[in-house]
Amino acid sequence: MPEVWIPPRMQTLAGGREQVVIDGASVRQVVNNLEKAFPGMKDFLYDSEEDDLIAGIAVVVDGEVSQLGLLERVREDSEIHFLPAIGGGQSQIVN
C-alpha cells in the first residue's frame, strides 16, 4: 500500500505519526481512505466546491510534483507527500 508522509500540522489527526500506509490506486482514493482512518484529515487537503486539492497544496508522488492532483495514479509502493505549494513573487529594489 502507498506510504503517505503526513505534514506536521496534520500529524495530531494521525496520532502523531509522520507517515502512514493507506490503501488507494489514486490520490483521490488515498485522501478518502485517509479520512476514513483519521477523521478530519480531508478538511486539510480537499476543497469540496472545486472537487480538487485545496489551492496551495501540492501533491508529490514518488518524488514528482503531480500535475493531475487527485487523479494521479499511485502504485502499491508509492510514496506520497502533501506539501504547501511554493510560489514565487516579484521583488523590488527600493533605493
PDB file of N, CA and C in Angstrom:
ATOM      1  N   MET A   1       0.836  -1.184   0.000  1.00  0.00           N
ATOM      2  CA  MET A   1       0.000   0.000   0.000  1.00  0.00           C
ATOM      3  C   MET A   1       0.884   1.251   0.000  1.00  0.00           C
ATOM      4  N   PRO A   2       0.404   2.319  -0.611  1.00  0.00           N
ATOM      5  CA  PRO A   2       1.191   3.551  -0.657  1.00  0.00           C
ATOM      6  C   PRO A   2       1.493   4.085   0.748  1.00  0.00           C
ATOM      7  N   GLU A   3       2.660   4.708   0.865  1.00  0.00           N
ATOM      8  CA  GLU A   3       3.074   5.335   2.116  1.00  0.00           C
ATOM      9  C   GLU A   3       2.845   6.838   1.987  1.00  0.00           C
ATOM     10  N   VAL A   4       2.127   7.413   2.952  1.00  0.00           N
ATOM     11  CA  VAL A   4       1.808   8.832   2.932  1.00  0.00           C
ATOM     12  C   VAL A   4       2.567   9.514   4.059  1.00  0.00           C
ATOM     13  N   TRP A   5       3.321  10.542   3.710  1.00  0.00           N
ATOM     14  CA  TRP A   5       4.013  11.353   4.698  1.00  0.00           C
ATOM     15  C   TRP A   5       3.058  12.462   5.123  1.00  0.00           C
ATOM     16  N   ILE A   6       2.817  12.555   6.413  1.00  0.00           N
ATOM     17  CA  ILE A   6       1.832  13.474   6.967  1.00  0.00           C
ATOM     18  C   ILE A   6       2.502  14.811   7.300  1.00  0.00           C
ATOM     19  N   PRO A   7       1.976  15.909   6.758  1.00  0.00           N
ATOM     20  CA  PRO A   7       2.531  17.230   7.091  1.00  0.00           C
ATOM     21  C   PRO A   7       2.418  17.488   8.603  1.00  0.00           C
ATOM     22  N   PRO A   8       3.364  18.226   9.174  1.00  0.00           N
ATOM     23  CA  PRO A   8       3.371  18.455  10.623  1.00  0.00           C
ATOM     24  C   PRO A   8       2.046  18.957  11.191  1.00  0.00           C
ATOM     25  N   ARG A   9       1.376  19.868  10.512  1.00  0.00           N
ATOM     26  CA  ARG A   9       0.138  20.424  11.078  1.00  0.00           C
ATOM     27  C   ARG A   9      -1.018  19.416  11.070  1.00  0.00           C
ATOM     28  N   MET A  10      -0.857  18.290  10.385  1.00  0.00           N
ATOM     29  CA  MET A  10      -1.892  17.264  10.328  1.00  0.00           C
ATOM     30  C   MET A  10      -1.548  16.043  11.176  1.00  0.00           C
ATOM     31  N   GLN A  11      -0.358  16.014  11.748  1.00  0.00           N
ATOM     32  CA  GLN A  11       0.091  14.827  12.470  1.00  0.00           C
ATOM     33  C   GLN A  11      -0.727  14.535  13.716  1.00  0.00           C
ATOM     34  N   THR A  12      -1.308  15.544  14.339  1.00  0.00           N
ATOM     35  CA  THR A  12      -2.135  15.279  15.518  1.00  0.00           C
ATOM     36  C   THR A  12      -3.352  14.431  15.147  1.00  0.00           C
ATOM     37  N   LEU A  13      -3.882  14.637  13.937  1.00  0.00           N
ATOM     38  CA  LEU A  13      -5.017  13.830  13.478  1.00  0.00           C
ATOM     39  C   LEU A  13      -4.625  12.371  13.255  1.00  0.00           C
ATOM     40  N   ALA A  14      -3.353  12.145  12.974  1.00  0.00           N
ATOM     41  CA  ALA A  14      -2.854  10.795  12.711  1.00  0.00           C
ATOM     42  C   ALA A  14      -2.173  10.200  13.937  1.00  0.00           C
ATOM     43  N   GLY A  15      -2.546  10.682  15.112  1.00  0.00           N
ATOM     44  CA  GLY A  15      -1.968  10.148  16.340  1.00  0.00           C
ATOM     45  C   GLY A  15      -0.497  10.466  16.489  1.00  0.00           C
ATOM     46  N   GLY A  16      -0.054  11.575  15.887  1.00  0.00           N
ATOM     47  CA  GLY A  16       1.342  11.991  15.987  1.00  0.00           C
ATOM     48  C   GLY A  16       2.273  11.334  14.983  1.00  0.00           C
ATOM     49  N   ARG A  17       1.736  10.496  14.122  1.00  0.00           N
ATOM     50  CA  ARG A  17       2.573   9.786  13.144  1.00  0.00           C
ATOM     51  C   ARG A  17       3.043  10.717  12.018  1.00  0.00           C
ATOM     52  N   GLU A  18       4.254  10.499  11.578  1.00  0.00           N
ATOM     53  CA  GLU A  18       4.809  11.258  10.453  1.00  0.00           C
ATOM     54  C   GLU A  18       4.475  10.612   9.121  1.00  0.00           C
ATOM     55  N   GLN A  19       4.234   9.317   9.139  1.00  0.00           N
ATOM     56  CA  GLN A  19       3.854   8.611   7.918  1.00  0.00           C
ATOM     57  C   GLN A  19       2.910   7.472   8.260  1.00  0.00           C
ATOM     58  N   VAL A  20       2.058   7.172   7.289  1.00  0.00           N
ATOM     59  CA  VAL A  20       1.100   6.078   7.441  1.00  0.00           C
ATOM     60  C   VAL A  20       1.017   5.334   6.116  1.00  0.00           C
ATOM     61  N   VAL A  21       0.561   4.111   6.175  1.00  0.00           N
ATOM     62  CA  VAL A  21       0.339   3.303   4.982  1.00  0.00           C
ATOM     63  C   VAL A  21      -1.168   3.256   4.764  1.00  0.00           C
ATOM     64  N   ILE A  22      -1.604   3.692   3.584  1.00  0.00           N
ATOM     65  CA  ILE A  22      -3.037   3.802   3.274  1.00  0.00           C
ATOM     66  C   ILE A  22      -3.294   3.199   1.902  1.00  0.00           C
ATOM     67  N   ASP A  23      -4.352   2.441   1.785  1.00  0.00           N
ATOM     68  CA  ASP A  23      -4.737   1.829   0.519  1.00  0.00           C
ATOM     69  C   ASP A  23      -5.249   2.888  -0.459  1.00  0.00           C
ATOM     70  N   GLY A  24      -5.041   2.645  -1.747  1.00  0.00           N
ATOM     71  CA  GLY A  24      -5.567   3.516  -2.795  1.00  0.00           C
ATOM     72  C   GLY A  24      -4.769   3.366  -4.071  1.00  0.00           C
ATOM     73  N   ALA A  25      -5.472   3.502  -5.199  1.00  0.00           N
ATOM     74  CA  ALA A  25      -4.821   3.419  -6.509  1.00  0.00           C
ATOM     75  C   ALA A  25      -4.693   4.787  -7.160  1.00  0.00           C
ATOM     76  N   SER A  26      -5.277   5.814  -6.516  1.00  0.00           N
ATOM     77  CA  SER A  26      -5.166   7.194  -6.991  1.00  0.00           C
ATOM     78  C   SER A  26      -5.050   8.095  -5.765  1.00  0.00           C
ATOM     79  N   VAL A  27      -4.615   9.322  -5.977  1.00  0.00           N
ATOM     80  CA  VAL A  27      -4.518  10.262  -4.864  1.00  0.00           C
ATOM     81  C   VAL A  27      -5.899  10.477  -4.254  1.00  0.00           C
ATOM     82  N   ARG A  28      -6.941  10.549  -5.062  1.00  0.00           N
ATOM     83  CA  ARG A  28      -8.306  10.716  -4.541  1.00  0.00           C
ATOM     84  C   ARG A  28      -8.667   9.572  -3.589  1.00  0.00           C
ATOM     85  N   GLN A  29      -8.391   8.340  -3.976  1.00  0.00           N
ATOM     86  CA  GLN A  29      -8.692   7.191  -3.116  1.00  0.00           C
ATOM     87  C   GLN A  29      -7.876   7.253  -1.831  1.00  0.00           C
ATOM     88  N   VAL A  30      -6.630   7.664  -1.941  1.00  0.00           N
ATOM     89  CA  VAL A  30      -5.781   7.789  -0.749  1.00  0.00           C
ATOM     90  C   VAL A  30      -6.348   8.839   0.199  1.00  0.00           C
ATOM     91  N   VAL A  31      -6.756  10.001  -0.332  1.00  0.00           N
ATOM     92  CA  VAL A  31      -7.333  11.053   0.504  1.00  0.00           C
ATOM     93  C   VAL A  31      -8.612  10.552   1.177  1.00  0.00           C
ATOM     94  N   ASN A  32      -9.481   9.878   0.423  1.00  0.00           N
ATOM     95  CA  ASN A  32     -10.713   9.344   1.011  1.00  0.00           C
ATOM     96  C   ASN A  32     -10.426   8.312   2.095  1.00  0.00           C
ATOM     97  N   ASN A  33      -9.424   7.464   1.874  1.00  0.00           N
ATOM     98  CA  ASN A  33      -9.077   6.459   2.872  1.00  0.00           C
ATOM     99  C   ASN A  33      -8.368   7.073   4.078  1.00  0.00           C
ATOM    100  N   LEU A  34      -7.615   8.152   3.855  1.00  0.00           N
ATOM    101  CA  LEU A  34      -7.045   8.889   4.986  1.00  0.00           C
ATOM    102  C   LEU A  34      -8.162   9.412   5.880  1.00  0.00           C
ATOM    103  N   GLU A  35      -9.207   9.940   5.259  1.00  0.00           N
ATOM    104  CA  GLU A  35     -10.341  10.478   6.021  1.00  0.00           C
ATOM    105  C   GLU A  35     -11.030   9.381   6.828  1.00  0.00           C
ATOM    106  N   LYS A  36     -11.165   8.189   6.240  1.00  0.00           N
ATOM    107  CA  LYS A  36     -11.790   7.078   6.967  1.00  0.00           C
ATOM    108  C   LYS A  36     -10.943   6.665   8.173  1.00  0.00           C
ATOM    109  N   ALA A  37      -9.639   6.626   7.984  1.00  0.00           N
ATOM    110  CA  ALA A  37      -8.737   6.197   9.049  1.00  0.00           C
ATOM    111  C   ALA A  37      -8.515   7.293  10.089  1.00  0.00           C
ATOM    112  N   PHE A  38      -8.499   8.542   9.638  1.00  0.00           N
ATOM    113  CA  PHE A  38      -8.191   9.676  10.512  1.00  0.00           C
ATOM    114  C   PHE A  38      -9.163  10.819  10.218  1.00  0.00           C
ATOM    115  N   PRO A  39     -10.355  10.768  10.791  1.00  0.00           N
ATOM    116  CA  PRO A  39     -11.373  11.784  10.512  1.00  0.00           C
ATOM    117  C   PRO A  39     -10.845  13.205  10.717  1.00  0.00           C
ATOM    118  N   GLY A  40     -11.193  14.069   9.771  1.00  0.00           N
ATOM    119  CA  GLY A  40     -10.760  15.460   9.802  1.00  0.00           C
ATOM    120  C   GLY A  40      -9.598  15.748   8.873  1.00  0.00           C
ATOM    121  N   MET A  41      -8.904  14.704   8.443  1.00  0.00           N
ATOM    122  CA  MET A  41      -7.734  14.886   7.591  1.00  0.00           C
ATOM    123  C   MET A  41      -8.113  15.485   6.235  1.00  0.00           C
ATOM    124  N   LYS A  42      -9.263  15.064   5.701  1.00  0.00           N
ATOM    125  CA  LYS A  42      -9.670  15.528   4.374  1.00  0.00           C
ATOM    126  C   LYS A  42      -9.889  17.038   4.358  1.00  0.00           C
ATOM    127  N   ASP A  43     -10.329  17.604   5.485  1.00  0.00           N
ATOM    128  CA  ASP A  43     -10.558  19.049   5.560  1.00  0.00           C
ATOM    129  C   ASP A  43      -9.294  19.850   5.287  1.00  0.00           C
ATOM    130  N   PHE A  44      -8.135  19.284   5.591  1.00  0.00           N
ATOM    131  CA  PHE A  44      -6.866  19.967   5.352  1.00  0.00           C
ATOM    132  C   PHE A  44      -6.416  19.876   3.893  1.00  0.00           C
ATOM    133  N   LEU A  45      -6.968  18.920   3.149  1.00  0.00           N
ATOM    134  CA  LEU A  45      -6.468  18.628   1.804  1.00  0.00           C
ATOM    135  C   LEU A  45      -7.444  18.908   0.678  1.00  0.00           C
ATOM    136  N   TYR A  46      -8.731  18.838   0.945  1.00  0.00           N
ATOM    137  CA  TYR A  46      -9.733  18.763  -0.118  1.00  0.00           C
ATOM    138  C   TYR A  46     -10.671  19.965  -0.099  1.00  0.00           C
ATOM    139  N   ASP A  47     -10.886  20.540  -1.279  1.00  0.00           N
ATOM    140  CA  ASP A  47     -11.841  21.629  -1.470  1.00  0.00           C
ATOM    141  C   ASP A  47     -13.058  21.038  -2.163  1.00  0.00           C
ATOM    142  N   SER A  48     -14.154  20.842  -1.409  1.00  0.00           N
ATOM    143  CA  SER A  48     -15.330  20.181  -1.969  1.00  0.00           C
ATOM    144  C   SER A  48     -16.003  21.014  -3.060  1.00  0.00           C
ATOM    145  N   GLU A  49     -15.918  22.325  -2.969  1.00  0.00           N
ATOM    146  CA  GLU A  49     -16.518  23.172  -4.008  1.00  0.00           C
ATOM    147  C   GLU A  49     -15.804  23.018  -5.344  1.00  0.00           C
ATOM    148  N   GLU A  50     -14.501  22.877  -5.291  1.00  0.00           N
ATOM    149  CA  GLU A  50     -13.695  22.734  -6.507  1.00  0.00           C
ATOM    150  C   GLU A  50     -13.505  21.269  -6.899  1.00  0.00           C
ATOM    151  N   ASP A  51     -13.851  20.346  -5.989  1.00  0.00           N
ATOM    152  CA  ASP A  51     -13.611  18.919  -6.187  1.00  0.00           C
ATOM    153  C   ASP A  51     -12.152  18.667  -6.556  1.00  0.00           C
ATOM    154  N   ASP A  52     -11.276  19.267  -5.767  1.00  0.00           N
ATOM    155  CA  ASP A  52      -9.844  19.169  -6.019  1.00  0.00           C
ATOM    156  C   ASP A  52      -9.103  19.417  -4.707  1.00  0.00           C
ATOM    157  N   LEU A  53      -7.785  19.278  -4.770  1.00  0.00           N
ATOM    158  CA  LEU A  53      -6.976  19.628  -3.616  1.00  0.00           C
ATOM    159  C   LEU A  53      -7.120  21.121  -3.336  1.00  0.00           C
ATOM    160  N   ILE A  54      -6.987  21.491  -2.090  1.00  0.00           N
ATOM    161  CA  ILE A  54      -7.053  22.896  -1.708  1.00  0.00           C
ATOM    162  C   ILE A  54      -5.947  23.653  -2.433  1.00  0.00           C
ATOM    163  N   ALA A  55      -6.278  24.852  -2.909  1.00  0.00           N
ATOM    164  CA  ALA A  55      -5.260  25.701  -3.543  1.00  0.00           C
ATOM    165  C   ALA A  55      -4.138  25.916  -2.528  1.00  0.00           C
ATOM    166  N   GLY A  56      -2.936  25.803  -2.993  1.00  0.00           N
ATOM    167  CA  GLY A  56      -1.794  25.972  -2.102  1.00  0.00           C
ATOM    168  C   GLY A  56      -1.243  24.660  -1.581  1.00  0.00           C
ATOM    169  N   ILE A  57      -1.865  23.535  -1.944  1.00  0.00           N
ATOM    170  CA  ILE A  57      -1.349  22.216  -1.568  1.00  0.00           C
ATOM    171  C   ILE A  57      -0.876  21.518  -2.832  1.00  0.00           C
ATOM    172  N   ALA A  58       0.360  21.077  -2.813  1.00  0.00           N
ATOM    173  CA  ALA A  58       0.898  20.290  -3.924  1.00  0.00           C
ATOM    174  C   ALA A  58       1.020  18.847  -3.462  1.00  0.00           C
ATOM    175  N   VAL A  59       0.774  17.923  -4.368  1.00  0.00           N
ATOM    176  CA  VAL A  59       0.965  16.516  -4.048  1.00  0.00           C
ATOM    177  C   VAL A  59       2.170  16.022  -4.834  1.00  0.00           C
ATOM    178  N   VAL A  60       3.059  15.348  -4.121  1.00  0.00           N
ATOM    179  CA  VAL A  60       4.276  14.793  -4.713  1.00  0.00           C
ATOM    180  C   VAL A  60       4.164  13.277  -4.612  1.00  0.00           C
ATOM    181  N   VAL A  61       4.225  12.618  -5.758  1.00  0.00           N
ATOM    182  CA  VAL A  61       4.134  11.163  -5.810  1.00  0.00           C
ATOM    183  C   VAL A  61       5.451  10.630  -6.359  1.00  0.00           C
ATOM    184  N   ASP A  62       6.111   9.833  -5.565  1.00  0.00           N
ATOM    185  CA  ASP A  62       7.389   9.223  -5.949  1.00  0.00           C
ATOM    186  C   ASP A  62       8.401  10.268  -6.414  1.00  0.00           C
ATOM    187  N   GLY A  63       8.439  11.399  -5.708  1.00  0.00           N
ATOM    188  CA  GLY A  63       9.430  12.434  -5.977  1.00  0.00           C
ATOM    189  C   GLY A  63       9.073  13.404  -7.084  1.00  0.00           C
ATOM    190  N   GLU A  64       7.920  13.239  -7.699  1.00  0.00           N
ATOM    191  CA  GLU A  64       7.498  14.117  -8.798  1.00  0.00           C
ATOM    192  C   GLU A  64       6.248  14.897  -8.397  1.00  0.00           C
ATOM    193  N   VAL A  65       6.287  16.212  -8.572  1.00  0.00           N
ATOM    194  CA  VAL A  65       5.100  17.022  -8.300  1.00  0.00           C
ATOM    195  C   VAL A  65       4.043  16.663  -9.330  1.00  0.00           C
ATOM    196  N   SER A  66       2.864  16.310  -8.837  1.00  0.00           N
ATOM    197  CA  SER A  66       1.783  15.873  -9.717  1.00  0.00           C
ATOM    198  C   SER A  66       1.088  17.053 -10.368  1.00  0.00           C
ATOM    199  N   GLN A  67       0.853  16.931 -11.656  1.00  0.00           N
ATOM    200  CA  GLN A  67       0.046  17.908 -12.381  1.00  0.00           C
ATOM    201  C   GLN A  67      -1.414  17.459 -12.434  1.00  0.00           C
ATOM    202  N   LEU A  68      -1.668  16.213 -12.032  1.00  0.00           N
ATOM    203  CA  LEU A  68      -3.021  15.647 -12.103  1.00  0.00           C
ATOM    204  C   LEU A  68      -3.786  15.720 -10.784  1.00  0.00           C
ATOM    205  N   GLY A  69      -3.111  16.089  -9.706  1.00  0.00           N
ATOM    206  CA  GLY A  69      -3.779  16.215  -8.415  1.00  0.00           C
ATOM    207  C   GLY A  69      -4.440  14.926  -7.975  1.00  0.00           C
ATOM    208  N   LEU A  70      -5.743  14.991  -7.679  1.00  0.00           N
ATOM    209  CA  LEU A  70      -6.481  13.829  -7.179  1.00  0.00           C
ATOM    210  C   LEU A  70      -6.534  12.682  -8.171  1.00  0.00           C
ATOM    211  N   LEU A  71      -6.354  12.980  -9.453  1.00  0.00           N
ATOM    212  CA  LEU A  71      -6.433  11.935 -10.481  1.00  0.00           C
ATOM    213  C   LEU A  71      -5.129  11.148 -10.652  1.00  0.00           C
ATOM    214  N   GLU A  72      -4.063  11.621 -10.025  1.00  0.00           N
ATOM    215  CA  GLU A  72      -2.764  10.956 -10.155  1.00  0.00           C
ATOM    216  C   GLU A  72      -2.853   9.517  -9.665  1.00  0.00           C
ATOM    217  N   ARG A  73      -2.379   8.593 -10.484  1.00  0.00           N
ATOM    218  CA  ARG A  73      -2.344   7.174 -10.112  1.00  0.00           C
ATOM    219  C   ARG A  73      -1.176   6.942  -9.166  1.00  0.00           C
ATOM    220  N   VAL A  74      -1.346   6.026  -8.240  1.00  0.00           N
ATOM    221  CA  VAL A  74      -0.276   5.638  -7.334  1.00  0.00           C
ATOM    222  C   VAL A  74      -0.131   4.121  -7.362  1.00  0.00           C
ATOM    223  N   ARG A  75       1.078   3.683  -7.074  1.00  0.00           N
ATOM    224  CA  ARG A  75       1.365   2.252  -7.054  1.00  0.00           C
ATOM    225  C   ARG A  75       1.359   1.741  -5.616  1.00  0.00           C
ATOM    226  N   GLU A  76       1.410   0.452  -5.475  1.00  0.00           N
ATOM    227  CA  GLU A  76       1.468  -0.170  -4.143  1.00  0.00           C
ATOM    228  C   GLU A  76       2.664   0.323  -3.337  1.00  0.00           C
ATOM    229  N   ASP A  77       3.769   0.627  -4.027  1.00  0.00           N
ATOM    230  CA  ASP A  77       4.983   1.046  -3.331  1.00  0.00           C
ATOM    231  C   ASP A  77       5.237   2.550  -3.436  1.00  0.00           C
ATOM    232  N   SER A  78       4.214   3.330  -3.798  1.00  0.00           N
ATOM    233  CA  SER A  78       4.387   4.771  -3.953  1.00  0.00           C
ATOM    234  C   SER A  78       4.588   5.464  -2.612  1.00  0.00           C
ATOM    235  N   GLU A  79       5.287   6.584  -2.690  1.00  0.00           N
ATOM    236  CA  GLU A  79       5.477   7.474  -1.548  1.00  0.00           C
ATOM    237  C   GLU A  79       4.801   8.790  -1.902  1.00  0.00           C
ATOM    238  N   ILE A  80       3.902   9.241  -1.026  1.00  0.00           N
ATOM    239  CA  ILE A  80       3.094  10.425  -1.304  1.00  0.00           C
ATOM    240  C   ILE A  80       3.347  11.479  -0.239  1.00  0.00           C
ATOM    241  N   HIS A  81       3.555  12.713  -0.695  1.00  0.00           N
ATOM    242  CA  HIS A  81       3.725  13.859   0.209  1.00  0.00           C
ATOM    243  C   HIS A  81       2.722  14.930  -0.181  1.00  0.00           C
ATOM    244  N   PHE A  82       2.094  15.548   0.808  1.00  0.00           N
ATOM    245  CA  PHE A  82       1.246  16.717   0.594  1.00  0.00           C
ATOM    246  C   PHE A  82       2.002  17.904   1.168  1.00  0.00           C
ATOM    247  N   LEU A  83       2.358  18.844   0.292  1.00  0.00           N
ATOM    248  CA  LEU A  83       3.196  19.971   0.694  1.00  0.00           C
ATOM    249  C   LEU A  83       2.539  21.297   0.367  1.00  0.00           C
ATOM    250  N   PRO A  84       2.824  22.314   1.189  1.00  0.00           N
ATOM    251  CA  PRO A  84       2.379  23.648   0.799  1.00  0.00           C
ATOM    252  C   PRO A  84       3.069  24.024  -0.507  1.00  0.00           C
ATOM    253  N   ALA A  85       2.295  24.491  -1.476  1.00  0.00           N
ATOM    254  CA  ALA A  85       2.884  24.890  -2.755  1.00  0.00           C
ATOM    255  C   ALA A  85       3.792  26.098  -2.529  1.00  0.00           C
ATOM    256  N   ILE A  86       4.879  26.117  -3.234  1.00  0.00           N
ATOM    257  CA  ILE A  86       5.825  27.224  -3.126  1.00  0.00           C
ATOM    258  C   ILE A  86       5.607  28.129  -4.316  1.00  0.00           C
ATOM    259  N   GLY A  87       5.270  29.349  -4.034  1.00  0.00           N
ATOM    260  CA  GLY A  87       5.035  30.306  -5.112  1.00  0.00           C
ATOM    261  C   GLY A  87       6.128  31.345  -5.134  1.00  0.00           C
ATOM    262  N   GLY A  88       6.369  31.860  -6.306  1.00  0.00           N
ATOM    263  CA  GLY A  88       7.362  32.906  -6.448  1.00  0.00           C
ATOM    264  C   GLY A  88       6.702  34.256  -6.400  1.00  0.00           C
ATOM    265  N   GLY A  89       7.483  35.217  -6.183  1.00  0.00           N
ATOM    266  CA  GLY A  89       6.970  36.593  -6.159  1.00  0.00           C
ATOM    267  C   GLY A  89       7.942  37.494  -6.884  1.00  0.00           C
ATOM    268  N   GLN A  90       7.585  38.715  -6.964  1.00  0.00           N
ATOM    269  CA  GLN A  90       8.432  39.684  -7.634  1.00  0.00           C
ATOM    270  C   GLN A  90       9.053  40.554  -6.552  1.00  0.00           C
ATOM    271  N   SER A  91      10.346  40.661  -6.581  1.00  0.00           N
ATOM    272  CA  SER A  91      10.990  41.513  -5.595  1.00  0.00           C
ATOM    273  C   SER A  91      11.253  42.886  -6.202  1.00  0.00           C
ATOM    274  N   GLN A  92      11.222  43.865  -5.345  1.00  0.00           N
ATOM    275  CA  GLN A  92      11.501  45.221  -5.790  1.00  0.00           C
ATOM    276  C   GLN A  92      12.700  45.740  -5.005  1.00  0.00           C
ATOM    277  N   ILE A  93      13.516  46.444  -5.699  1.00  0.00           N
ATOM    278  CA  ILE A  93      14.653  47.080  -5.045  1.00  0.00           C
ATOM    279  C   ILE A  93      14.273  48.542  -4.823  1.00  0.00           C
ATOM    280  N   VAL A  94      14.330  48.931  -3.573  1.00  0.00           N
ATOM    281  CA  VAL A  94      13.966  50.311  -3.220  1.00  0.00           C
ATOM    282  C   VAL A  94      15.255  51.030  -2.859  1.00  0.00           C
ATOM    283  N   ASN A  95      15.484  52.157  -3.507  1.00  0.00           N
ATOM    284  CA  ASN A  95      16.686  52.950  -3.211  1.00  0.00           C
ATOM    285  C   ASN A  95      16.385  53.989  -2.177  1.00  0.00           C
TER     286      ASN A  95
END
